[in-house]
Amino acid sequence: MTTAIAIVGYRNPDDVRQCLGALARSTDGAFTVHICENGGHAAARALVEALAGRVAAAPADQGEPAGGPLVWHGRLEPGGQTVRVLCPGENLGYAGGVNTAIRDAMAGGRWDAVWVLNPDTEPAPDALAEMHRHLARGPYGMVGSRLVFRKTGRVQLYGGRWRPLIARGFNIGLNQPGDATPDIAAVEAETTYVNGASMLVSRAFIEDVGLMDERYFLYNEEVDWCFRRGAHRLGYAHAAVVAHDHGSTIGSNTQRRQRSALSVYLDERNKLLFSRRFFPRLYPVILLTTLVLTAQYLRHGAVRNFFVALQGWFAGLRGEDGVPALARRPRPRPAEPATAASR
């Protein structure tokens, strides 16, 4: 089985380098890496510089594959796997970056599955092999891994369950001991989506369902992808352990105050876009519950983000999608490419 690994970066070259270091230790070496750098040309150059010593440079490729212009490619050391860095020249959002990487893989040759992987993750050496083993066992269309917080070693989630009435995800297994043994069948029965930080997607799934919906830009795109799965099943590979930096302090008062305006805005907007698409009968109730829940920012002292949340809610009510105006403004600190399940 040949795997195309899709990574979306945004001016975080150290994270990407560390993630590639973990991939270099993989017991399953049949993979290629496709990195979409969403932070612009300067960020792509910084990423290439950061990868020196981890990735051996290959001769420049002047072609422009379907996914976007190729900036640089090389070979991961010591296994020699192909690593390709793509720079679209603009921020395509999370789904757009994933799709760019997947299109590049599709144009480049043979592949059997795509592993969508956050740059701030560190997969265990046998994670990819275990995910493939479980993917075939189902068979499943998409398989998630055991995501654990890097700092604490406790579980971030086994899988995600969407709660329609409040338009929020629930992390199955949150804060369980990292070595706990859950009932896999029960986890899979409860799972309605796989977390976008680590998801192995079969070629059949992508050919049948299509790529991620880029209209969300950030948040809910992987949930939408799973809800469009049709007959494809979702699986959970407990033996595939992936350490993840993001989300260890989520839910605290400080986190709500410090969240970027862009992430707050899109979080609220996209809940409504997703709900209108998949839960039209419940939509009037969802409008009310999500509006009431914006008050959580006030409760945590995040007054500025409360008003941003209201703006996002009204944008969702109007059905606005795609790149928001906030994403086009210069920002001192870019929003993290978090997913709906990692809040």
C-alpha atoms as a PDB file:
ATOM      1  CA  MET A   1       0.000   0.000   0.000  1.00  0.00           C
ATOM      2  CA  THR A   2       1.354   3.406  -1.003  1.00  0.00           C
ATOM      3  CA  THR A   3       0.278   6.371   1.108  1.00  0.00           C
ATOM      4  CA  ALA A   4       0.290  10.040   0.157  1.00  0.00           C
ATOM      5  CA  ILE A   5       0.715  12.099   3.327  1.00  0.00           C
ATOM      6  CA  ALA A   6      -0.977  15.518   3.120  1.00  0.00           C
ATOM      7  CA  ILE A   7       0.294  18.210   5.490  1.00  0.00           C
ATOM      8  CA  VAL A   8      -0.890  21.834   5.571  1.00  0.00           C
ATOM      9  CA  GLY A   9       1.550  24.350   7.001  1.00  0.00           C
ATOM     10  CA  TYR A  10       1.106  27.996   7.927  1.00  0.00           C
ATOM     11  CA  ARG A  11       4.386  29.660   8.850  1.00  0.00           C
ATOM     12  CA  ASN A  12       5.306  26.874  11.279  1.00  0.00           C
ATOM     13  CA  PRO A  13       8.444  25.293   9.761  1.00  0.00           C
ATOM     14  CA  ASP A  14       9.680  23.877  13.072  1.00  0.00           C
ATOM     15  CA  ASP A  15       6.459  21.905  13.507  1.00  0.00           C
ATOM     16  CA  VAL A  16       6.697  20.508   9.990  1.00  0.00           C
ATOM     17  CA  ARG A  17      10.338  19.546  10.471  1.00  0.00           C
ATOM     18  CA  GLN A  18       9.548  17.723  13.711  1.00  0.00           C
ATOM     19  CA  CYS A  19       6.618  15.914  12.095  1.00  0.00           C
ATOM     20  CA  LEU A  20       8.852  14.749   9.233  1.00  0.00           C
ATOM     21  CA  GLY A  21      11.364  13.531  11.782  1.00  0.00           C
ATOM     22  CA  ALA A  22       8.685  11.271  13.227  1.00  0.00           C
ATOM     23  CA  LEU A  23       7.668  10.079   9.759  1.00  0.00           C
ATOM     24  CA  ALA A  24      11.289   9.208   9.014  1.00  0.00           C
ATOM     25  CA  ARG A  25      11.057   6.607  11.799  1.00  0.00           C
ATOM     26  CA  SER A  26       7.918   4.989  10.365  1.00  0.00           C
ATOM     27  CA  THR A  27       8.003   1.212  10.077  1.00  0.00           C
ATOM     28  CA  ASP A  28       5.893   1.578   6.920  1.00  0.00           C
ATOM     29  CA  GLY A  29       8.125   3.410   4.481  1.00  0.00           C
ATOM     30  CA  ALA A  30       5.849   3.249   1.429  1.00  0.00           C
ATOM     31  CA  PHE A  31       4.753   6.862   1.414  1.00  0.00           C
ATOM     32  CA  THR A  32       5.256  10.250  -0.178  1.00  0.00           C
ATOM     33  CA  VAL A  33       4.837  13.596   1.597  1.00  0.00           C
ATOM     34  CA  HIS A  34       2.973  16.536   0.057  1.00  0.00           C
ATOM     35  CA  ILE A  35       3.157  19.791   2.040  1.00  0.00           C
ATOM     36  CA  CYS A  36       1.015  22.788   1.137  1.00  0.00           C
ATOM     37  CA  GLU A  37       2.483  25.948   2.657  1.00  0.00           C
ATOM     38  CA  ASN A  38      -0.417  28.373   3.039  1.00  0.00           C
ATOM     39  CA  GLY A  39       1.694  31.206   4.420  1.00  0.00           C
ATOM     40  CA  GLY A  40       3.005  32.614   1.147  1.00  0.00           C
ATOM     41  CA  HIS A  41       6.260  32.451  -0.778  1.00  0.00           C
ATOM     42  CA  ALA A  42       8.461  33.743   2.057  1.00  0.00           C
ATOM     43  CA  ALA A  43       7.031  31.088   4.362  1.00  0.00           C
ATOM     44  CA  ALA A  44       7.686  28.418   1.736  1.00  0.00           C
ATOM     45  CA  ARG A  45      11.327  29.500   1.479  1.00  0.00           C
ATOM     46  CA  ALA A  46      11.638  29.435   5.273  1.00  0.00           C
ATOM     47  CA  LEU A  47      10.154  25.940   5.330  1.00  0.00           C
ATOM     48  CA  VAL A  48      12.610  24.681   2.720  1.00  0.00           C
ATOM     49  CA  GLU A  49      15.487  26.114   4.756  1.00  0.00           C
ATOM     50  CA  ALA A  50      14.170  24.490   7.926  1.00  0.00           C
ATOM     51  CA  LEU A  51      14.006  21.088   6.238  1.00  0.00           C
ATOM     52  CA  ALA A  52      17.710  21.143   5.384  1.00  0.00           C
ATOM     53  CA  GLY A  53      19.352  18.181   7.061  1.00  0.00           C
ATOM     54  CA  ARG A  54      16.044  16.366   7.381  1.00  0.00           C
ATOM     55  CA  VAL A  55      15.308  16.258   3.659  1.00  0.00           C
ATOM     56  CA  ALA A  56      17.946  15.939   0.953  1.00  0.00           C
ATOM     57  CA  ALA A  57      17.351  18.368  -1.902  1.00  0.00           C
ATOM     58  CA  ALA A  58      16.475  16.984  -5.321  1.00  0.00           C
ATOM     59  CA  PRO A  59      16.821  18.730  -8.691  1.00  0.00           C
ATOM     60  CA  ALA A  60      14.302  21.556  -9.109  1.00  0.00           C
ATOM     61  CA  ASP A  61      11.015  20.716 -10.785  1.00  0.00           C
ATOM     62  CA  GLN A  62       9.704  23.605 -12.861  1.00  0.00           C
ATOM     63  CA  GLY A  63       6.345  21.986 -13.622  1.00  0.00           C
ATOM     64  CA  GLU A  64       3.020  23.095 -12.230  1.00  0.00           C
ATOM     65  CA  PRO A  65       0.937  20.094 -11.149  1.00  0.00           C
ATOM     66  CA  ALA A  66      -2.827  20.344 -10.753  1.00  0.00           C
ATOM     67  CA  GLY A  67      -2.546  21.173  -7.066  1.00  0.00           C
ATOM     68  CA  GLY A  68      -0.461  24.323  -7.574  1.00  0.00           C
ATOM     69  CA  PRO A  69       3.080  25.456  -8.385  1.00  0.00           C
ATOM     70  CA  LEU A  70       5.789  23.214  -7.013  1.00  0.00           C
ATOM     71  CA  VAL A  71       8.323  25.152  -5.010  1.00  0.00           C
ATOM     72  CA  TRP A  72      10.760  22.411  -4.049  1.00  0.00           C
ATOM     73  CA  HIS A  73      11.109  18.699  -3.642  1.00  0.00           C
ATOM     74  CA  GLY A  74      13.555  16.353  -2.055  1.00  0.00           C
ATOM     75  CA  ARG A  75      14.042  12.992  -0.338  1.00  0.00           C
ATOM     76  CA  LEU A  76      13.343  12.264   3.309  1.00  0.00           C
ATOM     77  CA  GLU A  77      16.384  10.879   5.066  1.00  0.00           C
ATOM     78  CA  PRO A  78      17.254   8.101   5.603  1.00  0.00           C
ATOM     79  CA  GLY A  79      14.427   6.292   3.752  1.00  0.00           C
ATOM     80  CA  GLY A  80      14.485   8.345   0.556  1.00  0.00           C
ATOM     81  CA  GLN A  81      10.714   9.023   0.412  1.00  0.00           C
ATOM     82  CA  THR A  82       9.678  11.893  -1.849  1.00  0.00           C
ATOM     83  CA  VAL A  83       8.854  15.177  -0.088  1.00  0.00           C
ATOM     84  CA  ARG A  84       7.168  17.919  -2.098  1.00  0.00           C
ATOM     85  CA  VAL A  85       6.591  21.476  -0.900  1.00  0.00           C
ATOM     86  CA  LEU A  86       3.803  23.364  -2.673  1.00  0.00           C
ATOM     87  CA  CYS A  87       3.050  27.043  -2.356  1.00  0.00           C
ATOM     88  CA  PRO A  88      -0.208  28.312  -3.856  1.00  0.00           C
ATOM     89  CA  GLY A  89       0.769  31.920  -3.139  1.00  0.00           C
ATOM     90  CA  GLU A  90      -2.260  32.569  -0.914  1.00  0.00           C
ATOM     91  CA  ASN A  91      -3.942  31.130   2.132  1.00  0.00           C
ATOM     92  CA  LEU A  92      -6.333  28.479   0.808  1.00  0.00           C
ATOM     93  CA  GLY A  93      -7.567  27.505   4.239  1.00  0.00           C
ATOM     94  CA  TYR A  94      -7.311  24.050   5.744  1.00  0.00           C
ATOM     95  CA  ALA A  95      -9.492  22.224   3.206  1.00  0.00           C
ATOM     96  CA  GLY A  96      -7.905  24.061   0.288  1.00  0.00           C
ATOM     97  CA  GLY A  97      -4.454  23.128   1.528  1.00  0.00           C
ATOM     98  CA  VAL A  98      -5.405  19.487   2.010  1.00  0.00           C
ATOM     99  CA  ASN A  99      -6.974  19.374  -1.443  1.00  0.00           C
ATOM    100  CA  THR A 100      -3.889  20.954  -2.998  1.00  0.00           C
ATOM    101  CA  ALA A 101      -1.721  18.231  -1.465  1.00  0.00           C
ATOM    102  CA  ILE A 102      -4.122  15.480  -2.548  1.00  0.00           C
ATOM    103  CA  ARG A 103      -4.335  16.789  -6.122  1.00  0.00           C
ATOM    104  CA  ASP A 104      -0.553  16.855  -6.267  1.00  0.00           C
ATOM    105  CA  ALA A 105      -0.454  13.234  -5.121  1.00  0.00           C
ATOM    106  CA  MET A 106      -3.106  12.254  -7.660  1.00  0.00           C
ATOM    107  CA  ALA A 107      -1.144  13.890 -10.454  1.00  0.00           C
ATOM    108  CA  GLY A 108       2.148  12.389  -9.370  1.00  0.00           C
ATOM    109  CA  GLY A 109       1.610   8.660  -9.552  1.00  0.00           C
ATOM    110  CA  ARG A 110       0.387   5.596  -7.696  1.00  0.00           C
ATOM    111  CA  TRP A 111      -1.300   5.930  -4.319  1.00  0.00           C
ATOM    112  CA  ASP A 112      -3.746   3.795  -2.363  1.00  0.00           C
ATOM    113  CA  ALA A 113      -4.683   6.118   0.503  1.00  0.00           C
ATOM    114  CA  VAL A 114      -4.140   9.628   1.827  1.00  0.00           C
ATOM    115  CA  TRP A 115      -3.050  10.328   5.378  1.00  0.00           C
ATOM    116  CA  VAL A 116      -4.171  13.845   6.340  1.00  0.00           C
ATOM    117  CA  LEU A 117      -1.810  14.845   9.130  1.00  0.00           C
ATOM    118  CA  ASN A 118      -1.444  18.034  11.142  1.00  0.00           C
ATOM    119  CA  PRO A 119       2.075  19.480  11.218  1.00  0.00           C
ATOM    120  CA  ASP A 120       1.998  19.680  15.036  1.00  0.00           C
ATOM    121  CA  THR A 121       1.718  15.905  15.389  1.00  0.00           C
ATOM    122  CA  GLU A 122       4.269  13.198  16.119  1.00  0.00           C
ATOM    123  CA  PRO A 123       3.081   9.784  14.921  1.00  0.00           C
ATOM    124  CA  ALA A 124       4.499   6.697  16.609  1.00  0.00           C
ATOM    125  CA  PRO A 125       6.726   4.618  14.302  1.00  0.00           C
ATOM    126  CA  ASP A 126       4.038   1.971  13.726  1.00  0.00           C
ATOM    127  CA  ALA A 127       1.096   4.414  13.450  1.00  0.00           C
ATOM    128  CA  LEU A 128       0.802   4.314   9.653  1.00  0.00           C
ATOM    129  CA  ALA A 129       1.120   0.517   9.501  1.00  0.00           C
ATOM    130  CA  GLU A 130      -1.542   0.101  12.204  1.00  0.00           C
ATOM    131  CA  MET A 131      -3.927   2.489  10.444  1.00  0.00           C
ATOM    132  CA  HIS A 132      -3.541   0.596   7.173  1.00  0.00           C
ATOM    133  CA  ARG A 133      -4.085  -2.684   8.968  1.00  0.00           C
ATOM    134  CA  HIS A 134      -7.333  -1.422  10.445  1.00  0.00           C
ATOM    135  CA  LEU A 135      -8.437   0.238   7.197  1.00  0.00           C
ATOM    136  CA  ALA A 136      -8.265  -3.126   5.437  1.00  0.00           C
ATOM    137  CA  ARG A 137      -9.838  -5.039   8.308  1.00  0.00           C
ATOM    138  CA  GLY A 138     -13.192  -3.235   8.060  1.00  0.00           C
ATOM    139  CA  PRO A 139     -13.044  -2.513   5.303  1.00  0.00           C
ATOM    140  CA  TYR A 140     -13.349   1.173   6.105  1.00  0.00           C
ATOM    141  CA  GLY A 141     -13.348   4.287   3.975  1.00  0.00           C
ATOM    142  CA  MET A 142     -11.633   6.391   6.627  1.00  0.00           C
ATOM    143  CA  VAL A 143      -9.753   5.548   9.820  1.00  0.00           C
ATOM    144  CA  GLY A 144      -8.692   7.721  12.725  1.00  0.00           C
ATOM    145  CA  SER A 145      -5.924   7.200  15.264  1.00  0.00           C
ATOM    146  CA  ARG A 146      -5.499   7.522  19.015  1.00  0.00           C
ATOM    147  CA  LEU A 147      -4.685  11.202  19.437  1.00  0.00           C
ATOM    148  CA  VAL A 148      -2.919  11.983  22.711  1.00  0.00           C
ATOM    149  CA  PHE A 149      -1.789  15.298  24.127  1.00  0.00           C
ATOM    150  CA  ARG A 150       1.970  15.476  23.794  1.00  0.00           C
ATOM    151  CA  LYS A 151       2.459  17.291  27.119  1.00  0.00           C
ATOM    152  CA  THR A 152       0.291  15.101  29.329  1.00  0.00           C
ATOM    153  CA  GLY A 153       0.105  11.805  27.437  1.00  0.00           C
ATOM    154  CA  ARG A 154      -3.646  11.720  28.035  1.00  0.00           C
ATOM    155  CA  VAL A 155      -6.178  11.090  25.298  1.00  0.00           C
ATOM    156  CA  GLN A 156      -7.385  13.989  23.180  1.00  0.00           C
ATOM    157  CA  LEU A 157      -9.895  11.731  21.446  1.00  0.00           C
ATOM    158  CA  TYR A 158     -10.543   8.325  19.917  1.00  0.00           C
ATOM    159  CA  GLY A 159     -13.168   9.644  17.527  1.00  0.00           C
ATOM    160  CA  GLY A 160     -15.623  12.499  17.206  1.00  0.00           C
ATOM    161  CA  ARG A 161     -19.361  12.601  17.747  1.00  0.00           C
ATOM    162  CA  TRP A 162     -21.318  15.539  16.356  1.00  0.00           C
ATOM    163  CA  ARG A 163     -24.073  16.940  18.589  1.00  0.00           C
ATOM    164  CA  PRO A 164     -26.588  18.484  16.196  1.00  0.00           C
ATOM    165  CA  LEU A 165     -28.729  20.502  18.609  1.00  0.00           C
ATOM    166  CA  ILE A 166     -25.791  22.548  19.897  1.00  0.00           C
ATOM    167  CA  ALA A 167     -23.694  22.261  16.702  1.00  0.00           C
ATOM    168  CA  ARG A 168     -20.593  21.089  18.488  1.00  0.00           C
ATOM    169  CA  GLY A 169     -18.333  18.100  18.395  1.00  0.00           C
ATOM    170  CA  PHE A 170     -17.632  15.775  21.305  1.00  0.00           C
ATOM    171  CA  ASN A 171     -14.228  14.177  21.782  1.00  0.00           C
ATOM    172  CA  ILE A 172     -14.806  10.505  22.593  1.00  0.00           C
ATOM    173  CA  GLY A 173     -12.301   9.431  25.259  1.00  0.00           C
ATOM    174  CA  LEU A 174     -11.185  12.955  26.177  1.00  0.00           C
ATOM    175  CA  ASN A 175      -8.658  12.968  29.056  1.00  0.00           C
ATOM    176  CA  GLN A 176      -8.652   9.199  29.461  1.00  0.00           C
ATOM    177  CA  PRO A 177      -5.227   7.741  30.370  1.00  0.00           C
ATOM    178  CA  GLY A 178      -3.176   7.328  27.227  1.00  0.00           C
ATOM    179  CA  ASP A 179      -2.807   3.588  27.801  1.00  0.00           C
ATOM    180  CA  ALA A 180      -6.513   2.939  28.521  1.00  0.00           C
ATOM    181  CA  THR A 181      -8.141   0.191  26.459  1.00  0.00           C
ATOM    182  CA  PRO A 182     -11.578   1.180  25.158  1.00  0.00           C
ATOM    183  CA  ASP A 183     -14.205  -0.981  23.487  1.00  0.00           C
ATOM    184  CA  ILE A 184     -13.269  -0.401  19.854  1.00  0.00           C
ATOM    185  CA  ALA A 185     -16.648  -1.474  18.525  1.00  0.00           C
ATOM    186  CA  ALA A 186     -18.390   0.940  20.897  1.00  0.00           C
ATOM    187  CA  VAL A 187     -16.089   3.789  19.878  1.00  0.00           C
ATOM    188  CA  GLU A 188     -16.777   3.154  16.208  1.00  0.00           C
ATOM    189  CA  ALA A 189     -20.519   2.917  16.803  1.00  0.00           C
ATOM    190  CA  GLU A 190     -20.470   6.315  18.504  1.00  0.00           C
ATOM    191  CA  THR A 191     -18.120   7.988  16.008  1.00  0.00           C
ATOM    192  CA  THR A 192     -19.713  10.251  13.415  1.00  0.00           C
ATOM    193  CA  TYR A 193     -16.511  11.895  12.205  1.00  0.00           C
ATOM    194  CA  VAL A 194     -12.745  11.408  12.278  1.00  0.00           C
ATOM    195  CA  ASN A 195     -10.545  14.190  13.601  1.00  0.00           C
ATOM    196  CA  GLY A 196      -8.696  16.074  10.856  1.00  0.00           C
ATOM    197  CA  ALA A 197      -5.389  16.024  12.740  1.00  0.00           C
ATOM    198  CA  SER A 198      -4.872  12.391  11.690  1.00  0.00           C
ATOM    199  CA  MET A 199      -7.155  10.635   9.236  1.00  0.00           C
ATOM    200  CA  LEU A 200      -6.273   7.860   6.802  1.00  0.00           C
ATOM    201  CA  VAL A 201      -8.617   8.025   3.804  1.00  0.00           C
ATOM    202  CA  SER A 202      -8.900   5.288   1.214  1.00  0.00           C
ATOM    203  CA  ARG A 203      -8.613   5.987  -2.476  1.00  0.00           C
ATOM    204  CA  ALA A 204     -12.093   4.526  -2.980  1.00  0.00           C
ATOM    205  CA  PHE A 205     -13.504   7.044  -0.501  1.00  0.00           C
ATOM    206  CA  ILE A 206     -11.909   9.992  -2.301  1.00  0.00           C
ATOM    207  CA  GLU A 207     -12.972   8.746  -5.727  1.00  0.00           C
ATOM    208  CA  ASP A 208     -16.556   8.193  -4.544  1.00  0.00           C
ATOM    209  CA  VAL A 209     -17.054  11.170  -2.233  1.00  0.00           C
ATOM    210  CA  GLY A 210     -14.660  13.750  -3.653  1.00  0.00           C
ATOM    211  CA  LEU A 211     -12.324  16.125  -1.851  1.00  0.00           C
ATOM    212  CA  MET A 212     -12.926  18.351   1.160  1.00  0.00           C
ATOM    213  CA  ASP A 213     -15.387  21.234   0.769  1.00  0.00           C
ATOM    214  CA  GLU A 214     -13.287  24.398   0.570  1.00  0.00           C
ATOM    215  CA  ARG A 215     -16.184  26.742   1.323  1.00  0.00           C
ATOM    216  CA  TYR A 216     -15.584  26.329   5.059  1.00  0.00           C
ATOM    217  CA  PHE A 217     -11.991  27.676   4.841  1.00  0.00           C
ATOM    218  CA  LEU A 218     -11.319  26.610   8.457  1.00  0.00           C
ATOM    219  CA  TYR A 219     -13.361  24.419  10.851  1.00  0.00           C
ATOM    220  CA  ASN A 220     -15.935  21.710  10.101  1.00  0.00           C
ATOM    221  CA  GLU A 221     -14.451  20.607   6.774  1.00  0.00           C
ATOM    222  CA  GLU A 222     -13.468  17.160   8.032  1.00  0.00           C
ATOM    223  CA  VAL A 223     -16.843  16.749   9.735  1.00  0.00           C
ATOM    224  CA  ASP A 224     -18.563  17.635   6.450  1.00  0.00           C
ATOM    225  CA  TRP A 225     -16.312  15.157   4.608  1.00  0.00           C
ATOM    226  CA  CYS A 226     -17.341  12.363   6.971  1.00  0.00           C
ATOM    227  CA  PHE A 227     -21.028  13.218   6.753  1.00  0.00           C
ATOM    228  CA  ARG A 228     -20.834  12.882   2.954  1.00  0.00           C
ATOM    229  CA  ARG A 229     -19.319   9.407   3.220  1.00  0.00           C
ATOM    230  CA  GLY A 230     -22.333   7.463   1.941  1.00  0.00           C
ATOM    231  CA  ALA A 231     -21.775   3.736   2.431  1.00  0.00           C
ATOM    232  CA  HIS A 232     -18.139   4.139   3.494  1.00  0.00           C
ATOM    233  CA  ARG A 233     -17.545   3.213   7.132  1.00  0.00           C
ATOM    234  CA  LEU A 234     -15.515   5.120   9.703  1.00  0.00           C
ATOM    235  CA  GLY A 235     -12.975   3.188  11.751  1.00  0.00           C
ATOM    236  CA  TYR A 236     -10.759   3.740  14.766  1.00  0.00           C
ATOM    237  CA  ALA A 237      -7.234   2.309  14.889  1.00  0.00           C
ATOM    238  CA  HIS A 238      -6.455   2.293  18.616  1.00  0.00           C
ATOM    239  CA  ALA A 239      -2.954   0.891  18.087  1.00  0.00           C
ATOM    240  CA  ALA A 240      -2.024   3.899  15.923  1.00  0.00           C
ATOM    241  CA  VAL A 241      -0.809   6.494  18.432  1.00  0.00           C
ATOM    242  CA  VAL A 242      -0.290  10.098  17.332  1.00  0.00           C
ATOM    243  CA  ALA A 243       0.930  12.751  19.780  1.00  0.00           C
ATOM    244  CA  HIS A 244      -0.624  16.164  19.200  1.00  0.00           C
ATOM    245  CA  ASP A 245       0.382  19.571  20.552  1.00  0.00           C
ATOM    246  CA  HIS A 246      -2.814  21.469  19.891  1.00  0.00           C
ATOM    247  CA  GLY A 247      -5.738  21.612  22.281  1.00  0.00           C
ATOM    248  CA  SER A 248      -4.240  20.728  25.678  1.00  0.00           C
ATOM    249  CA  THR A 249      -5.588  23.913  27.333  1.00  0.00           C
ATOM    250  CA  ILE A 250      -8.742  24.302  25.278  1.00  0.00           C
ATOM    251  CA  GLY A 251     -11.830  25.269  27.241  1.00  0.00           C
ATOM    252  CA  SER A 252      -9.999  27.428  29.807  1.00  0.00           C
ATOM    253  CA  ASN A 253     -10.841  31.096  30.320  1.00  0.00           C
ATOM    254  CA  THR A 254      -7.472  32.119  28.965  1.00  0.00           C
ATOM    255  CA  GLN A 255      -8.006  30.129  25.797  1.00  0.00           C
ATOM    256  CA  ARG A 256     -11.306  31.853  25.037  1.00  0.00           C
ATOM    257  CA  ARG A 257      -9.751  35.265  25.521  1.00  0.00           C
ATOM    258  CA  GLN A 258      -6.704  34.447  23.433  1.00  0.00           C
ATOM    259  CA  ARG A 259      -8.390  32.779  20.465  1.00  0.00           C
ATOM    260  CA  SER A 260      -7.813  34.736  17.283  1.00  0.00           C
ATOM    261  CA  ALA A 261     -10.716  36.702  15.846  1.00  0.00           C
ATOM    262  CA  LEU A 262     -10.539  34.650  12.656  1.00  0.00           C
ATOM    263  CA  SER A 263     -10.908  31.315  14.458  1.00  0.00           C
ATOM    264  CA  VAL A 264     -13.826  32.561  16.586  1.00  0.00           C
ATOM    265  CA  TYR A 265     -15.596  34.046  13.560  1.00  0.00           C
ATOM    266  CA  LEU A 266     -15.236  30.942  11.409  1.00  0.00           C
ATOM    267  CA  ASP A 267     -16.109  28.589  14.247  1.00  0.00           C
ATOM    268  CA  GLU A 268     -19.505  30.242  14.675  1.00  0.00           C
ATOM    269  CA  ARG A 269     -20.140  30.809  10.973  1.00  0.00           C
ATOM    270  CA  ASN A 270     -19.327  27.289   9.899  1.00  0.00           C
ATOM    271  CA  LYS A 271     -21.465  25.618  12.555  1.00  0.00           C
ATOM    272  CA  LEU A 272     -24.471  27.184  10.854  1.00  0.00           C
ATOM    273  CA  LEU A 273     -23.287  26.400   7.328  1.00  0.00           C
ATOM    274  CA  PHE A 274     -22.775  22.760   8.287  1.00  0.00           C
ATOM    275  CA  SER A 275     -26.045  22.499  10.215  1.00  0.00           C
ATOM    276  CA  ARG A 276     -28.104  23.998   7.406  1.00  0.00           C
ATOM    277  CA  ARG A 277     -26.654  21.431   5.019  1.00  0.00           C
ATOM    278  CA  PHE A 278     -27.057  18.297   7.112  1.00  0.00           C
ATOM    279  CA  PHE A 279     -29.789  19.101   9.651  1.00  0.00           C
ATOM    280  CA  PRO A 280     -32.295  21.321   7.837  1.00  0.00           C
ATOM    281  CA  ARG A 281     -35.243  20.254   9.994  1.00  0.00           C
ATOM    282  CA  LEU A 282     -33.403  21.099  13.205  1.00  0.00           C
ATOM    283  CA  TYR A 283     -31.931  24.298  11.803  1.00  0.00           C
ATOM    284  CA  PRO A 284     -34.375  26.757  13.473  1.00  0.00           C
ATOM    285  CA  VAL A 285     -33.594  25.228  16.874  1.00  0.00           C
ATOM    286  CA  ILE A 286     -29.867  25.183  16.129  1.00  0.00           C
ATOM    287  CA  LEU A 287     -29.983  28.893  15.294  1.00  0.00           C
ATOM    288  CA  LEU A 288     -31.317  29.637  18.746  1.00  0.00           C
ATOM    289  CA  THR A 289     -28.983  27.344  20.697  1.00  0.00           C
ATOM    290  CA  THR A 290     -25.844  28.536  18.911  1.00  0.00           C
ATOM    291  CA  LEU A 291     -26.816  32.176  19.425  1.00  0.00           C
ATOM    292  CA  VAL A 292     -27.323  31.601  23.147  1.00  0.00           C
ATOM    293  CA  LEU A 293     -24.015  29.738  23.401  1.00  0.00           C
ATOM    294  CA  THR A 294     -22.042  32.710  22.063  1.00  0.00           C
ATOM    295  CA  ALA A 295     -22.525  34.096  25.589  1.00  0.00           C
ATOM    296  CA  GLN A 296     -19.855  31.643  26.770  1.00  0.00           C
ATOM    297  CA  TYR A 297     -17.293  34.224  25.694  1.00  0.00           C
ATOM    298  CA  LEU A 298     -18.804  36.786  28.053  1.00  0.00           C
ATOM    299  CA  ARG A 299     -18.820  34.233  30.868  1.00  0.00           C
ATOM    300  CA  HIS A 300     -15.061  33.754  30.382  1.00  0.00           C
ATOM    301  CA  GLY A 301     -14.339  37.458  30.147  1.00  0.00           C
ATOM    302  CA  ALA A 302     -13.671  37.405  26.393  1.00  0.00           C
ATOM    303  CA  VAL A 303     -15.774  40.459  25.505  1.00  0.00           C
ATOM    304  CA  ARG A 304     -14.025  41.184  22.211  1.00  0.00           C
ATOM    305  CA  ASN A 305     -14.445  37.609  21.033  1.00  0.00           C
ATOM    306  CA  PHE A 306     -18.114  37.656  22.030  1.00  0.00           C
ATOM    307  CA  PHE A 307     -18.780  40.374  19.471  1.00  0.00           C
ATOM    308  CA  VAL A 308     -16.642  38.541  16.911  1.00  0.00           C
ATOM    309  CA  ALA A 309     -18.681  35.393  17.572  1.00  0.00           C
ATOM    310  CA  LEU A 310     -21.882  37.349  16.934  1.00  0.00           C
ATOM    311  CA  GLN A 311     -20.457  38.568  13.628  1.00  0.00           C
ATOM    312  CA  GLY A 312     -19.643  35.003  12.648  1.00  0.00           C
ATOM    313  CA  TRP A 313     -23.101  33.812  13.682  1.00  0.00           C
ATOM    314  CA  PHE A 314     -24.793  36.448  11.519  1.00  0.00           C
ATOM    315  CA  ALA A 315     -22.474  35.562   8.616  1.00  0.00           C
ATOM    316  CA  GLY A 316     -23.576  31.948   8.935  1.00  0.00           C
ATOM    317  CA  LEU A 317     -27.215  33.035   9.084  1.00  0.00           C
ATOM    318  CA  ARG A 318     -26.699  34.933   5.808  1.00  0.00           C
ATOM    319  CA  GLY A 319     -25.083  31.842   4.280  1.00  0.00           C
ATOM    320  CA  GLU A 320     -21.715  33.473   3.669  1.00  0.00           C
ATOM    321  CA  ASP A 321     -18.894  31.046   2.910  1.00  0.00           C
ATOM    322  CA  GLY A 322     -15.375  30.965   1.529  1.00  0.00           C
ATOM    323  CA  VAL A 323     -12.533  33.247   2.555  1.00  0.00           C
ATOM    324  CA  PRO A 324     -13.728  35.832   5.106  1.00  0.00           C
ATOM    325  CA  ALA A 325     -12.518  39.416   5.065  1.00  0.00           C
ATOM    326  CA  LEU A 326     -10.667  38.782   8.334  1.00  0.00           C
ATOM    327  CA  ALA A 327      -8.401  36.302   6.566  1.00  0.00           C
ATOM    328  CA  ARG A 328      -7.311  38.926   4.036  1.00  0.00           C
ATOM    329  CA  ARG A 329      -6.133  41.404   6.653  1.00  0.00           C
ATOM    330  CA  PRO A 330      -2.536  41.378   7.925  1.00  0.00           C
ATOM    331  CA  ARG A 331      -2.495  39.677  11.314  1.00  0.00           C
ATOM    332  CA  PRO A 332       0.380  39.620  13.811  1.00  0.00           C
ATOM    333  CA  ARG A 333      -0.469  36.060  14.741  1.00  0.00           C
ATOM    334  CA  PRO A 334      -2.163  33.723  12.250  1.00  0.00           C
ATOM    335  CA  ALA A 335      -4.979  31.429  13.297  1.00  0.00           C
ATOM    336  CA  GLU A 336      -4.025  27.852  14.013  1.00  0.00           C
ATOM    337  CA  PRO A 337      -5.308  25.255  11.517  1.00  0.00           C
ATOM    338  CA  ALA A 338      -7.439  23.632  14.191  1.00  0.00           C
ATOM    339  CA  THR A 339     -10.363  21.386  13.529  1.00  0.00           C
ATOM    340  CA  ALA A 340     -13.884  21.187  14.876  1.00  0.00           C
ATOM    341  CA  ALA A 341     -13.042  18.255  17.126  1.00  0.00           C
ATOM    342  CA  SER A 342      -9.989  19.838  18.750  1.00  0.00           C
ATOM    343  CA  ARG A 343     -11.817  22.566  20.633  1.00  0.00           C
END
